[in-house]
Amino acid sequence: MTELDSPARRRRHARVIATAVQLVVDCGIAAQRVYDPIALASPTTDGVPVRRDLIDSLAEAAPRRLDQASEEDKERWPREVEQEGAEGLTTFRRRCATAAADRLLLDLQLSTGASALGPVPVPTPAQLAQMGPDLIAVDLIEALDDGEPEDALALLREAVTTGEYTTAQVLDAAMNTCLTAACLTLCQAAETSDPSMAAETVLMATRSLSRAVMLASADLDGLLAADHV
């Protein structure tokens, strides 16, 4: 089965997309529970009580809900899952735990004065083709965040030149990276003691969730054709 024979990505990831959209809604509600009491209180009132229960519960629930949605998508498309390889089968809870461990290691290195390795040079197209899809995904997300869709398209084209990766693999890696970032942002919100700052942090997670939905829906095979004009 070729990539063009595969189902549209928005169908392949339909449950994940729906869950990410619902998480965007929940993030808004969580922030609203903090801001509404402040907005409705008298200007002379100090120490307005707010509700942050949903902020705290989202940090635990988001990875679990995304894992469940991912499993449901896999059950709907078993043939596609078989061809996707092991890279995309890691749970979001495991991704978050790994990222948290990496952060602790980085904090330890910084606190002990470990020297940085210096700037990382921009990879050549040949080197890019040899990079793992997760690393390519980071560059792809950065290009999209910078508002440079042509750069992102060029990156995808270079990444699949050797045939080692498909566009779907790179886009899936980028989608998973954004979803993991959203989960980690929600964890950061739960760890923030100030309710207003926690609400602001929750709203930051919606950007990663929205980006993930876009990446999960993207079908770029026609645009990546070598002779496309």
N, C-alpha and C. Protein backbone atom coordinates (compact mmCIF):
# COMPACT_ATOMS: atom_id res chain seq x y z
N MET A 1 0.84 -1.20 0.00
CA MET A 1 0.00 0.00 0.00
C MET A 1 0.87 1.25 0.00
N THR A 2 0.63 2.13 -0.92
CA THR A 2 1.38 3.38 -0.98
C THR A 2 0.71 4.42 -0.11
N GLU A 3 1.42 5.55 0.07
CA GLU A 3 0.85 6.63 0.86
C GLU A 3 -0.44 7.14 0.24
N LEU A 4 -0.49 7.16 -1.08
CA LEU A 4 -1.68 7.67 -1.75
C LEU A 4 -2.87 6.73 -1.58
N ASP A 5 -2.59 5.44 -1.24
CA ASP A 5 -3.67 4.48 -1.00
C ASP A 5 -4.20 4.58 0.42
N SER A 6 -3.50 5.27 1.29
CA SER A 6 -3.88 5.37 2.68
C SER A 6 -5.12 6.25 2.85
N PRO A 7 -5.84 6.07 3.95
CA PRO A 7 -6.99 6.93 4.20
C PRO A 7 -6.54 8.37 4.45
N ALA A 8 -7.43 9.30 4.23
CA ALA A 8 -7.12 10.69 4.53
C ALA A 8 -6.69 10.78 5.99
N ARG A 9 -5.71 11.63 6.27
CA ARG A 9 -5.16 11.71 7.61
C ARG A 9 -6.21 12.14 8.63
N ARG A 10 -7.14 12.97 8.23
CA ARG A 10 -8.17 13.41 9.18
C ARG A 10 -9.09 12.25 9.56
N ARG A 11 -9.14 11.20 8.71
CA ARG A 11 -9.89 10.00 9.07
C ARG A 11 -9.02 9.06 9.90
N ARG A 12 -7.75 8.94 9.50
CA ARG A 12 -6.84 8.06 10.23
C ARG A 12 -6.70 8.50 11.68
N HIS A 13 -6.74 9.81 11.94
CA HIS A 13 -6.56 10.34 13.28
C HIS A 13 -7.83 11.00 13.81
N ALA A 14 -8.98 10.53 13.37
CA ALA A 14 -10.25 11.19 13.68
C ALA A 14 -10.51 11.28 15.19
N ARG A 15 -10.24 10.21 15.92
CA ARG A 15 -10.52 10.22 17.36
C ARG A 15 -9.54 11.14 18.10
N VAL A 16 -8.30 11.14 17.69
CA VAL A 16 -7.31 12.03 18.30
C VAL A 16 -7.68 13.48 18.02
N ILE A 17 -8.09 13.77 16.78
CA ILE A 17 -8.48 15.14 16.43
C ILE A 17 -9.66 15.58 17.28
N ALA A 18 -10.67 14.73 17.39
CA ALA A 18 -11.85 15.07 18.18
C ALA A 18 -11.49 15.31 19.65
N THR A 19 -10.59 14.49 20.17
CA THR A 19 -10.18 14.65 21.57
C THR A 19 -9.39 15.93 21.76
N ALA A 20 -8.49 16.25 20.82
CA ALA A 20 -7.71 17.48 20.93
C ALA A 20 -8.62 18.70 20.88
N VAL A 21 -9.64 18.66 20.00
CA VAL A 21 -10.60 19.77 19.92
C VAL A 21 -11.35 19.92 21.24
N GLN A 22 -11.78 18.80 21.83
CA GLN A 22 -12.49 18.86 23.11
C GLN A 22 -11.58 19.38 24.21
N LEU A 23 -10.29 19.03 24.16
CA LEU A 23 -9.35 19.56 25.16
C LEU A 23 -9.19 21.07 25.03
N VAL A 24 -9.26 21.58 23.79
CA VAL A 24 -9.22 23.04 23.61
C VAL A 24 -10.42 23.68 24.33
N VAL A 25 -11.59 23.07 24.15
CA VAL A 25 -12.79 23.57 24.83
C VAL A 25 -12.62 23.50 26.35
N ASP A 26 -12.10 22.38 26.84
CA ASP A 26 -11.93 22.20 28.28
C ASP A 26 -10.92 23.20 28.85
N CYS A 27 -9.89 23.49 28.06
CA CYS A 27 -8.91 24.49 28.52
C CYS A 27 -9.58 25.85 28.68
N GLY A 28 -10.45 26.20 27.74
CA GLY A 28 -11.16 27.46 27.84
C GLY A 28 -12.06 27.50 29.05
N ILE A 29 -12.75 26.40 29.32
CA ILE A 29 -13.63 26.34 30.49
C ILE A 29 -12.82 26.42 31.77
N ALA A 30 -11.67 25.74 31.80
CA ALA A 30 -10.82 25.76 32.99
C ALA A 30 -10.35 27.18 33.30
N ALA A 31 -9.95 27.90 32.25
CA ALA A 31 -9.52 29.28 32.45
C ALA A 31 -10.69 30.17 32.85
N GLN A 32 -11.85 29.90 32.28
CA GLN A 32 -13.03 30.70 32.57
C GLN A 32 -13.44 30.57 34.03
N ARG A 33 -13.25 29.39 34.60
CA ARG A 33 -13.61 29.18 36.01
C ARG A 33 -12.73 30.02 36.94
N VAL A 34 -11.57 30.41 36.44
CA VAL A 34 -10.71 31.29 37.23
C VAL A 34 -11.10 32.74 37.01
N TYR A 35 -11.33 33.12 35.76
CA TYR A 35 -11.52 34.53 35.42
C TYR A 35 -12.94 35.02 35.69
N ASP A 36 -13.95 34.16 35.56
CA ASP A 36 -15.33 34.60 35.74
C ASP A 36 -15.60 35.18 37.14
N PRO A 37 -15.19 34.48 38.22
CA PRO A 37 -15.44 35.05 39.55
C PRO A 37 -14.77 36.41 39.75
N ILE A 38 -13.59 36.58 39.17
CA ILE A 38 -12.89 37.86 39.28
C ILE A 38 -13.65 38.94 38.53
N ALA A 39 -14.15 38.60 37.34
CA ALA A 39 -14.89 39.57 36.54
C ALA A 39 -16.21 39.97 37.19
N LEU A 40 -16.84 39.04 37.91
CA LEU A 40 -18.15 39.30 38.50
C LEU A 40 -18.06 39.92 39.89
N ALA A 41 -16.89 39.88 40.50
CA ALA A 41 -16.73 40.41 41.86
C ALA A 41 -16.73 41.93 41.85
N SER A 42 -17.10 42.49 42.98
CA SER A 42 -17.05 43.94 43.13
C SER A 42 -15.61 44.43 43.01
N PRO A 43 -15.39 45.60 42.41
CA PRO A 43 -14.03 46.13 42.28
C PRO A 43 -13.32 46.29 43.62
N THR A 44 -14.07 46.40 44.70
CA THR A 44 -13.46 46.60 46.02
C THR A 44 -13.19 45.29 46.75
N THR A 45 -13.58 44.17 46.14
CA THR A 45 -13.40 42.87 46.80
C THR A 45 -11.97 42.39 46.66
N ASP A 46 -11.40 41.97 47.77
CA ASP A 46 -10.06 41.38 47.77
C ASP A 46 -10.17 39.88 47.98
N GLY A 47 -9.19 39.16 47.43
CA GLY A 47 -9.15 37.72 47.65
C GLY A 47 -10.36 36.99 47.12
N VAL A 48 -10.69 37.20 45.85
CA VAL A 48 -11.85 36.55 45.24
C VAL A 48 -11.59 35.04 45.13
N PRO A 49 -12.48 34.21 45.68
CA PRO A 49 -12.29 32.75 45.54
C PRO A 49 -12.56 32.30 44.10
N VAL A 50 -11.68 31.49 43.57
CA VAL A 50 -11.84 30.99 42.21
C VAL A 50 -11.76 29.47 42.22
N ARG A 51 -12.16 28.87 41.10
CA ARG A 51 -12.12 27.41 40.97
C ARG A 51 -11.02 27.03 39.98
N ARG A 52 -10.10 26.21 40.42
CA ARG A 52 -9.03 25.75 39.55
C ARG A 52 -9.01 24.22 39.48
N ASP A 53 -10.10 23.59 39.88
CA ASP A 53 -10.15 22.14 39.91
C ASP A 53 -9.96 21.53 38.52
N LEU A 54 -10.54 22.17 37.50
CA LEU A 54 -10.40 21.61 36.16
C LEU A 54 -8.98 21.77 35.63
N ILE A 55 -8.30 22.83 36.03
CA ILE A 55 -6.90 23.00 35.64
C ILE A 55 -6.07 21.83 36.15
N ASP A 56 -6.29 21.48 37.42
CA ASP A 56 -5.52 20.39 38.02
C ASP A 56 -5.87 19.04 37.41
N SER A 57 -7.15 18.83 37.11
CA SER A 57 -7.56 17.53 36.58
C SER A 57 -7.13 17.34 35.12
N LEU A 58 -7.04 18.44 34.36
CA LEU A 58 -6.64 18.33 32.95
C LEU A 58 -5.23 17.78 32.82
N ALA A 59 -4.35 18.15 33.74
CA ALA A 59 -2.96 17.70 33.66
C ALA A 59 -2.88 16.18 33.70
N GLU A 60 -3.74 15.56 34.50
CA GLU A 60 -3.75 14.10 34.59
C GLU A 60 -4.57 13.47 33.49
N ALA A 61 -5.66 14.13 33.10
CA ALA A 61 -6.61 13.52 32.18
C ALA A 61 -6.17 13.61 30.72
N ALA A 62 -5.48 14.69 30.34
CA ALA A 62 -5.17 14.90 28.92
C ALA A 62 -4.36 13.75 28.31
N PRO A 63 -3.23 13.33 28.91
CA PRO A 63 -2.49 12.21 28.29
C PRO A 63 -3.32 10.94 28.23
N ARG A 64 -4.10 10.68 29.27
CA ARG A 64 -4.92 9.47 29.29
C ARG A 64 -5.99 9.52 28.20
N ARG A 65 -6.63 10.65 28.03
CA ARG A 65 -7.66 10.78 27.00
C ARG A 65 -7.07 10.68 25.60
N LEU A 66 -5.89 11.25 25.39
CA LEU A 66 -5.24 11.15 24.09
C LEU A 66 -4.79 9.73 23.80
N ASP A 67 -4.31 9.03 24.83
CA ASP A 67 -3.92 7.63 24.65
C ASP A 67 -5.14 6.78 24.25
N GLN A 68 -6.25 7.02 24.91
CA GLN A 68 -7.47 6.27 24.59
C GLN A 68 -7.91 6.55 23.17
N ALA A 69 -7.88 7.83 22.77
CA ALA A 69 -8.28 8.18 21.41
C ALA A 69 -7.34 7.55 20.38
N SER A 70 -6.05 7.57 20.68
CA SER A 70 -5.07 6.97 19.78
C SER A 70 -5.31 5.48 19.61
N GLU A 71 -5.61 4.80 20.71
CA GLU A 71 -5.90 3.36 20.64
C GLU A 71 -7.15 3.10 19.80
N GLU A 72 -8.15 3.95 19.93
CA GLU A 72 -9.38 3.78 19.14
C GLU A 72 -9.08 3.96 17.66
N ASP A 73 -8.24 4.94 17.33
CA ASP A 73 -7.86 5.13 15.92
C ASP A 73 -7.09 3.92 15.40
N LYS A 74 -6.23 3.36 16.22
CA LYS A 74 -5.46 2.19 15.80
C LYS A 74 -6.37 0.99 15.54
N GLU A 75 -7.39 0.85 16.36
CA GLU A 75 -8.33 -0.26 16.17
C GLU A 75 -9.13 -0.09 14.88
N ARG A 76 -9.38 1.16 14.50
CA ARG A 76 -10.14 1.44 13.27
C ARG A 76 -9.31 1.23 12.02
N TRP A 77 -7.96 1.38 12.13
CA TRP A 77 -7.09 1.29 10.97
C TRP A 77 -5.92 0.35 11.25
N PRO A 78 -6.17 -0.94 11.47
CA PRO A 78 -5.09 -1.87 11.85
C PRO A 78 -4.02 -2.04 10.77
N ARG A 79 -4.41 -2.02 9.49
CA ARG A 79 -3.43 -2.22 8.42
C ARG A 79 -2.46 -1.05 8.38
N GLU A 80 -2.97 0.17 8.57
CA GLU A 80 -2.11 1.35 8.55
C GLU A 80 -1.16 1.35 9.75
N VAL A 81 -1.68 0.93 10.90
CA VAL A 81 -0.85 0.89 12.11
C VAL A 81 0.30 -0.08 11.94
N GLU A 82 0.04 -1.21 11.28
CA GLU A 82 1.08 -2.21 11.07
C GLU A 82 2.23 -1.65 10.26
N GLN A 83 1.96 -0.72 9.35
CA GLN A 83 3.00 -0.17 8.49
C GLN A 83 3.67 1.07 9.07
N GLU A 84 3.13 1.60 10.14
CA GLU A 84 3.66 2.84 10.69
C GLU A 84 4.91 2.64 11.54
N GLY A 85 5.17 1.42 11.98
CA GLY A 85 6.37 1.17 12.77
C GLY A 85 6.16 1.49 14.24
N ALA A 86 7.21 1.26 15.01
CA ALA A 86 7.11 1.40 16.47
C ALA A 86 7.17 2.83 16.94
N GLU A 87 7.66 3.75 16.08
CA GLU A 87 7.87 5.12 16.54
C GLU A 87 6.58 5.78 17.02
N GLY A 88 5.49 5.52 16.33
CA GLY A 88 4.25 6.19 16.68
C GLY A 88 3.42 5.47 17.72
N LEU A 89 3.93 4.37 18.27
CA LEU A 89 3.14 3.58 19.20
C LEU A 89 3.40 3.93 20.66
N THR A 90 4.30 4.84 20.93
CA THR A 90 4.57 5.25 22.30
C THR A 90 3.40 6.04 22.85
N THR A 91 3.01 5.74 24.09
CA THR A 91 1.87 6.44 24.68
C THR A 91 2.24 7.86 25.05
N PHE A 92 1.24 8.72 25.16
CA PHE A 92 1.50 10.11 25.54
C PHE A 92 1.92 10.19 27.00
N ARG A 93 1.44 9.28 27.83
CA ARG A 93 1.89 9.27 29.22
C ARG A 93 3.38 8.95 29.30
N ARG A 94 3.84 8.03 28.45
CA ARG A 94 5.27 7.71 28.44
C ARG A 94 6.08 8.86 27.86
N ARG A 95 5.56 9.51 26.83
CA ARG A 95 6.26 10.66 26.26
C ARG A 95 6.42 11.76 27.30
N CYS A 96 5.37 12.02 28.06
CA CYS A 96 5.43 13.06 29.09
C CYS A 96 6.42 12.69 30.18
N ALA A 97 6.42 11.42 30.58
CA ALA A 97 7.36 10.97 31.62
C ALA A 97 8.80 11.10 31.14
N THR A 98 9.04 10.77 29.87
CA THR A 98 10.39 10.89 29.32
C THR A 98 10.81 12.35 29.27
N ALA A 99 9.89 13.22 28.84
CA ALA A 99 10.21 14.65 28.76
C ALA A 99 10.49 15.21 30.15
N ALA A 100 9.73 14.77 31.14
CA ALA A 100 9.95 15.24 32.51
C ALA A 100 11.31 14.79 33.02
N ALA A 101 11.70 13.55 32.69
CA ALA A 101 13.01 13.05 33.11
C ALA A 101 14.13 13.83 32.43
N ASP A 102 13.94 14.14 31.15
CA ASP A 102 14.93 14.95 30.42
C ASP A 102 15.07 16.33 31.04
N ARG A 103 13.95 16.90 31.46
CA ARG A 103 13.98 18.22 32.06
C ARG A 103 14.74 18.20 33.39
N LEU A 104 14.51 17.15 34.17
CA LEU A 104 15.23 17.02 35.43
C LEU A 104 16.74 16.90 35.20
N LEU A 105 17.10 16.13 34.16
CA LEU A 105 18.51 15.96 33.84
C LEU A 105 19.12 17.28 33.40
N LEU A 106 18.38 18.04 32.59
CA LEU A 106 18.88 19.34 32.14
C LEU A 106 19.03 20.30 33.32
N ASP A 107 18.07 20.30 34.23
CA ASP A 107 18.16 21.15 35.41
C ASP A 107 19.38 20.80 36.25
N LEU A 108 19.64 19.50 36.35
CA LEU A 108 20.80 19.05 37.11
C LEU A 108 22.09 19.51 36.45
N GLN A 109 22.16 19.40 35.13
CA GLN A 109 23.35 19.83 34.41
C GLN A 109 23.58 21.33 34.57
N LEU A 110 22.51 22.10 34.51
CA LEU A 110 22.63 23.54 34.66
C LEU A 110 23.04 23.92 36.07
N SER A 111 22.50 23.21 37.06
CA SER A 111 22.82 23.54 38.45
C SER A 111 24.25 23.16 38.82
N THR A 112 24.81 22.18 38.11
CA THR A 112 26.18 21.76 38.39
C THR A 112 27.19 22.48 37.51
N GLY A 113 26.70 23.38 36.66
CA GLY A 113 27.59 24.17 35.83
C GLY A 113 28.15 23.43 34.64
N ALA A 114 27.43 22.37 34.20
CA ALA A 114 27.91 21.62 33.03
C ALA A 114 27.89 22.52 31.80
N SER A 115 28.93 22.46 31.02
CA SER A 115 29.04 23.34 29.86
C SER A 115 28.15 22.86 28.73
N ALA A 116 27.61 23.80 27.99
CA ALA A 116 26.78 23.47 26.85
C ALA A 116 27.65 23.00 25.69
N LEU A 117 27.01 22.31 24.78
CA LEU A 117 27.76 21.78 23.63
C LEU A 117 27.91 22.81 22.53
N GLY A 118 27.30 23.97 22.70
CA GLY A 118 27.40 24.99 21.68
C GLY A 118 26.27 24.88 20.67
N PRO A 119 26.18 25.82 19.74
CA PRO A 119 25.08 25.81 18.77
C PRO A 119 25.16 24.61 17.84
N VAL A 120 23.98 24.10 17.49
CA VAL A 120 23.90 22.96 16.58
C VAL A 120 23.77 23.49 15.15
N PRO A 121 24.66 23.08 14.24
CA PRO A 121 24.58 23.59 12.87
C PRO A 121 23.33 23.12 12.16
N VAL A 122 22.84 23.91 11.22
CA VAL A 122 21.67 23.53 10.44
C VAL A 122 22.04 22.34 9.55
N PRO A 123 21.24 21.26 9.56
CA PRO A 123 21.59 20.08 8.78
C PRO A 123 21.44 20.33 7.28
N THR A 124 22.28 19.67 6.52
CA THR A 124 22.15 19.70 5.06
C THR A 124 21.00 18.78 4.67
N PRO A 125 20.50 18.91 3.43
CA PRO A 125 19.43 17.99 3.01
C PRO A 125 19.80 16.52 3.16
N ALA A 126 21.03 16.18 2.85
CA ALA A 126 21.46 14.79 2.99
C ALA A 126 21.43 14.35 4.45
N GLN A 127 21.89 15.23 5.35
CA GLN A 127 21.85 14.90 6.77
C GLN A 127 20.41 14.84 7.27
N LEU A 128 19.57 15.73 6.75
CA LEU A 128 18.18 15.76 7.17
C LEU A 128 17.49 14.44 6.85
N ALA A 129 17.81 13.88 5.69
CA ALA A 129 17.19 12.63 5.29
C ALA A 129 17.57 11.48 6.22
N GLN A 130 18.69 11.63 6.95
CA GLN A 130 19.15 10.58 7.85
C GLN A 130 18.68 10.81 9.29
N MET A 131 18.06 11.96 9.55
CA MET A 131 17.57 12.24 10.88
C MET A 131 16.30 11.45 11.16
N GLY A 132 16.03 11.17 12.43
CA GLY A 132 14.79 10.53 12.79
C GLY A 132 13.62 11.47 12.57
N PRO A 133 12.42 10.94 12.35
CA PRO A 133 11.27 11.80 12.09
C PRO A 133 10.94 12.75 13.24
N ASP A 134 11.28 12.37 14.47
CA ASP A 134 11.01 13.26 15.61
C ASP A 134 11.84 14.53 15.52
N LEU A 135 13.09 14.40 15.10
CA LEU A 135 13.95 15.57 14.99
C LEU A 135 13.51 16.45 13.82
N ILE A 136 13.13 15.83 12.73
CA ILE A 136 12.63 16.59 11.59
C ILE A 136 11.35 17.33 12.00
N ALA A 137 10.53 16.66 12.81
CA ALA A 137 9.26 17.25 13.24
C ALA A 137 9.48 18.55 14.00
N VAL A 138 10.51 18.60 14.83
CA VAL A 138 10.79 19.82 15.59
C VAL A 138 11.07 20.98 14.65
N ASP A 139 11.90 20.75 13.62
CA ASP A 139 12.20 21.79 12.65
C ASP A 139 10.95 22.19 11.87
N LEU A 140 10.11 21.21 11.57
CA LEU A 140 8.87 21.48 10.84
C LEU A 140 7.95 22.39 11.66
N ILE A 141 7.79 22.08 12.95
CA ILE A 141 6.94 22.88 13.83
C ILE A 141 7.48 24.30 13.96
N GLU A 142 8.80 24.41 14.08
CA GLU A 142 9.40 25.74 14.20
C GLU A 142 9.14 26.57 12.94
N ALA A 143 9.21 25.95 11.77
CA ALA A 143 8.95 26.67 10.53
C ALA A 143 7.49 27.13 10.47
N LEU A 144 6.58 26.28 10.93
CA LEU A 144 5.17 26.66 10.94
C LEU A 144 4.91 27.77 11.96
N ASP A 145 5.54 27.67 13.12
CA ASP A 145 5.36 28.70 14.15
C ASP A 145 5.92 30.04 13.70
N ASP A 146 6.95 29.99 12.86
CA ASP A 146 7.54 31.23 12.35
C ASP A 146 6.73 31.81 11.20
N GLY A 147 5.64 31.13 10.84
CA GLY A 147 4.82 31.62 9.73
C GLY A 147 5.47 31.45 8.38
N GLU A 148 6.25 30.37 8.22
CA GLU A 148 6.95 30.13 6.96
C GLU A 148 6.50 28.80 6.36
N PRO A 149 5.28 28.72 5.81
CA PRO A 149 4.79 27.46 5.26
C PRO A 149 5.63 26.92 4.12
N GLU A 150 6.23 27.82 3.33
CA GLU A 150 7.08 27.35 2.23
C GLU A 150 8.32 26.65 2.77
N ASP A 151 8.87 27.17 3.86
CA ASP A 151 10.02 26.51 4.48
C ASP A 151 9.62 25.15 5.01
N ALA A 152 8.43 25.08 5.61
CA ALA A 152 7.96 23.80 6.14
C ALA A 152 7.76 22.79 5.02
N LEU A 153 7.22 23.26 3.89
CA LEU A 153 7.01 22.38 2.75
C LEU A 153 8.34 21.91 2.18
N ALA A 154 9.31 22.80 2.11
CA ALA A 154 10.64 22.42 1.61
C ALA A 154 11.29 21.41 2.54
N LEU A 155 11.08 21.58 3.83
CA LEU A 155 11.64 20.64 4.81
C LEU A 155 11.06 19.25 4.61
N LEU A 156 9.76 19.19 4.41
CA LEU A 156 9.11 17.89 4.17
C LEU A 156 9.63 17.26 2.89
N ARG A 157 9.76 18.07 1.84
CA ARG A 157 10.23 17.55 0.56
C ARG A 157 11.64 16.95 0.71
N GLU A 158 12.51 17.65 1.43
CA GLU A 158 13.87 17.16 1.63
C GLU A 158 13.88 15.90 2.49
N ALA A 159 12.99 15.85 3.47
CA ALA A 159 12.97 14.72 4.40
C ALA A 159 12.59 13.42 3.71
N VAL A 160 11.76 13.50 2.67
CA VAL A 160 11.29 12.27 2.02
C VAL A 160 12.04 11.98 0.73
N THR A 161 13.09 12.76 0.45
CA THR A 161 13.84 12.59 -0.80
C THR A 161 14.39 11.18 -0.95
N THR A 162 14.97 10.65 0.11
CA THR A 162 15.61 9.33 0.03
C THR A 162 14.61 8.20 0.12
N GLY A 163 13.36 8.50 0.46
CA GLY A 163 12.37 7.44 0.61
C GLY A 163 12.44 6.74 1.95
N GLU A 164 13.33 7.21 2.84
CA GLU A 164 13.45 6.56 4.15
C GLU A 164 12.25 6.84 5.03
N TYR A 165 11.66 8.04 4.86
CA TYR A 165 10.46 8.41 5.61
C TYR A 165 9.38 8.84 4.65
N THR A 166 8.14 8.69 5.08
CA THR A 166 7.02 9.20 4.31
C THR A 166 6.57 10.52 4.93
N THR A 167 5.81 11.29 4.16
CA THR A 167 5.28 12.53 4.72
C THR A 167 4.40 12.25 5.92
N ALA A 168 3.66 11.15 5.86
CA ALA A 168 2.78 10.81 6.99
C ALA A 168 3.59 10.57 8.26
N GLN A 169 4.74 9.90 8.15
CA GLN A 169 5.56 9.65 9.33
C GLN A 169 6.05 10.96 9.94
N VAL A 170 6.50 11.89 9.11
CA VAL A 170 7.01 13.16 9.63
C VAL A 170 5.87 13.98 10.23
N LEU A 171 4.73 14.02 9.56
CA LEU A 171 3.59 14.76 10.07
C LEU A 171 3.06 14.14 11.36
N ASP A 172 3.06 12.81 11.43
CA ASP A 172 2.63 12.14 12.66
C ASP A 172 3.56 12.48 13.82
N ALA A 173 4.86 12.49 13.52
CA ALA A 173 5.83 12.83 14.57
C ALA A 173 5.61 14.26 15.06
N ALA A 174 5.34 15.17 14.12
CA ALA A 174 5.08 16.56 14.49
C ALA A 174 3.79 16.68 15.30
N MET A 175 2.78 15.94 14.89
CA MET A 175 1.51 15.94 15.62
C MET A 175 1.73 15.45 17.06
N ASN A 176 2.44 14.34 17.21
CA ASN A 176 2.70 13.79 18.54
C ASN A 176 3.53 14.75 19.39
N THR A 177 4.47 15.43 18.76
CA THR A 177 5.29 16.41 19.48
C THR A 177 4.41 17.53 20.03
N CYS A 178 3.48 18.02 19.21
CA CYS A 178 2.59 19.10 19.64
C CYS A 178 1.66 18.63 20.76
N LEU A 179 1.14 17.43 20.65
CA LEU A 179 0.25 16.91 21.68
C LEU A 179 1.00 16.71 23.00
N THR A 180 2.23 16.22 22.90
CA THR A 180 3.04 16.07 24.11
C THR A 180 3.33 17.42 24.73
N ALA A 181 3.64 18.41 23.91
CA ALA A 181 3.89 19.76 24.42
C ALA A 181 2.67 20.31 25.14
N ALA A 182 1.48 20.04 24.59
CA ALA A 182 0.25 20.49 25.24
C ALA A 182 0.08 19.83 26.60
N CYS A 183 0.34 18.53 26.67
CA CYS A 183 0.22 17.82 27.94
C CYS A 183 1.21 18.36 28.98
N LEU A 184 2.43 18.63 28.55
CA LEU A 184 3.43 19.16 29.48
C LEU A 184 3.06 20.58 29.93
N THR A 185 2.46 21.37 29.05
CA THR A 185 2.02 22.71 29.42
C THR A 185 0.91 22.63 30.46
N LEU A 186 0.01 21.66 30.31
CA LEU A 186 -1.05 21.48 31.30
C LEU A 186 -0.48 21.05 32.64
N CYS A 187 0.56 20.22 32.61
CA CYS A 187 1.24 19.83 33.87
C CYS A 187 1.86 21.05 34.53
N GLN A 188 2.46 21.91 33.72
CA GLN A 188 3.05 23.14 34.25
C GLN A 188 1.98 24.03 34.89
N ALA A 189 0.80 24.07 34.26
CA ALA A 189 -0.30 24.87 34.81
C ALA A 189 -0.73 24.33 36.17
N ALA A 190 -0.81 23.01 36.28
CA ALA A 190 -1.22 22.41 37.54
C ALA A 190 -0.20 22.67 38.65
N GLU A 191 1.07 22.83 38.26
CA GLU A 191 2.12 23.08 39.25
C GLU A 191 2.25 24.56 39.60
N THR A 192 1.52 25.44 38.90
CA THR A 192 1.59 26.88 39.13
C THR A 192 0.62 27.26 40.24
N SER A 193 1.12 27.82 41.31
CA SER A 193 0.28 28.11 42.48
C SER A 193 -0.68 29.27 42.25
N ASP A 194 -0.24 30.30 41.54
CA ASP A 194 -1.10 31.46 41.30
C ASP A 194 -2.19 31.09 40.30
N PRO A 195 -3.48 31.20 40.67
CA PRO A 195 -4.56 30.76 39.77
C PRO A 195 -4.58 31.49 38.43
N SER A 196 -4.34 32.80 38.44
CA SER A 196 -4.36 33.55 37.18
C SER A 196 -3.24 33.09 36.25
N MET A 197 -2.05 32.89 36.79
CA MET A 197 -0.94 32.40 35.98
C MET A 197 -1.22 30.99 35.48
N ALA A 198 -1.85 30.17 36.33
CA ALA A 198 -2.20 28.82 35.92
C ALA A 198 -3.19 28.85 34.77
N ALA A 199 -4.18 29.76 34.84
CA ALA A 199 -5.16 29.88 33.77
C ALA A 199 -4.50 30.33 32.47
N GLU A 200 -3.56 31.27 32.56
CA GLU A 200 -2.85 31.73 31.37
C GLU A 200 -2.05 30.58 30.75
N THR A 201 -1.45 29.77 31.60
CA THR A 201 -0.66 28.64 31.10
C THR A 201 -1.55 27.61 30.42
N VAL A 202 -2.73 27.36 30.99
CA VAL A 202 -3.68 26.44 30.36
C VAL A 202 -4.04 26.91 28.96
N LEU A 203 -4.26 28.20 28.81
CA LEU A 203 -4.62 28.74 27.50
C LEU A 203 -3.47 28.60 26.52
N MET A 204 -2.23 28.61 27.01
CA MET A 204 -1.08 28.40 26.13
C MET A 204 -1.11 27.01 25.51
N ALA A 205 -1.66 26.03 26.25
CA ALA A 205 -1.72 24.66 25.74
C ALA A 205 -2.61 24.57 24.51
N THR A 206 -3.58 25.47 24.38
CA THR A 206 -4.49 25.39 23.23
C THR A 206 -3.76 25.64 21.91
N ARG A 207 -2.68 26.40 21.95
CA ARG A 207 -1.93 26.63 20.71
C ARG A 207 -1.32 25.32 20.20
N SER A 208 -0.73 24.55 21.10
CA SER A 208 -0.15 23.26 20.70
C SER A 208 -1.23 22.29 20.25
N LEU A 209 -2.38 22.31 20.93
CA LEU A 209 -3.47 21.43 20.54
C LEU A 209 -4.00 21.80 19.15
N SER A 210 -4.14 23.09 18.89
CA SER A 210 -4.62 23.53 17.57
C SER A 210 -3.62 23.17 16.48
N ARG A 211 -2.34 23.33 16.76
CA ARG A 211 -1.31 22.95 15.80
C ARG A 211 -1.36 21.45 15.52
N ALA A 212 -1.60 20.65 16.56
CA ALA A 212 -1.68 19.20 16.39
C ALA A 212 -2.85 18.82 15.49
N VAL A 213 -3.98 19.48 15.65
CA VAL A 213 -5.15 19.21 14.81
C VAL A 213 -4.82 19.51 13.35
N MET A 214 -4.15 20.62 13.10
CA MET A 214 -3.76 20.98 11.74
C MET A 214 -2.84 19.92 11.14
N LEU A 215 -1.87 19.47 11.92
CA LEU A 215 -0.92 18.47 11.42
C LEU A 215 -1.60 17.11 11.22
N ALA A 216 -2.55 16.78 12.09
CA ALA A 216 -3.26 15.51 11.97
C ALA A 216 -4.16 15.48 10.74
N SER A 217 -4.57 16.66 10.27
CA SER A 217 -5.49 16.75 9.13
C SER A 217 -4.77 16.95 7.80
N ALA A 218 -3.48 17.28 7.84
CA ALA A 218 -2.75 17.67 6.63
C ALA A 218 -2.51 16.48 5.71
N ASP A 219 -2.87 16.64 4.47
CA ASP A 219 -2.55 15.67 3.42
C ASP A 219 -1.77 16.42 2.34
N LEU A 220 -0.46 16.21 2.30
CA LEU A 220 0.41 17.02 1.45
C LEU A 220 1.06 16.26 0.32
N ASP A 221 0.60 15.03 0.07
CA ASP A 221 1.28 14.22 -0.94
C ASP A 221 1.29 14.89 -2.31
N GLY A 222 0.17 15.48 -2.73
CA GLY A 222 0.12 16.13 -4.03
C GLY A 222 1.07 17.30 -4.12
N LEU A 223 1.17 18.06 -3.03
CA LEU A 223 2.06 19.21 -3.03
C LEU A 223 3.53 18.82 -3.04
N LEU A 224 3.81 17.61 -2.55
CA LEU A 224 5.20 17.17 -2.46
C LEU A 224 5.67 16.42 -3.70
N ALA A 225 4.83 16.29 -4.68
CA ALA A 225 5.25 15.61 -5.91
C ALA A 225 6.43 16.35 -6.51
N ALA A 226 7.38 15.62 -7.01
CA ALA A 226 8.64 16.22 -7.47
C ALA A 226 8.42 17.22 -8.60
N ASP A 227 7.43 16.97 -9.46
CA ASP A 227 7.21 17.85 -10.61
C ASP A 227 6.00 18.75 -10.39
N HIS A 228 5.63 18.96 -9.14
CA HIS A 228 4.45 19.78 -8.88
C HIS A 228 4.70 21.23 -9.29
N VAL A 229 3.72 21.83 -9.97
CA VAL A 229 3.82 23.23 -10.37
C VAL A 229 2.55 23.96 -9.95
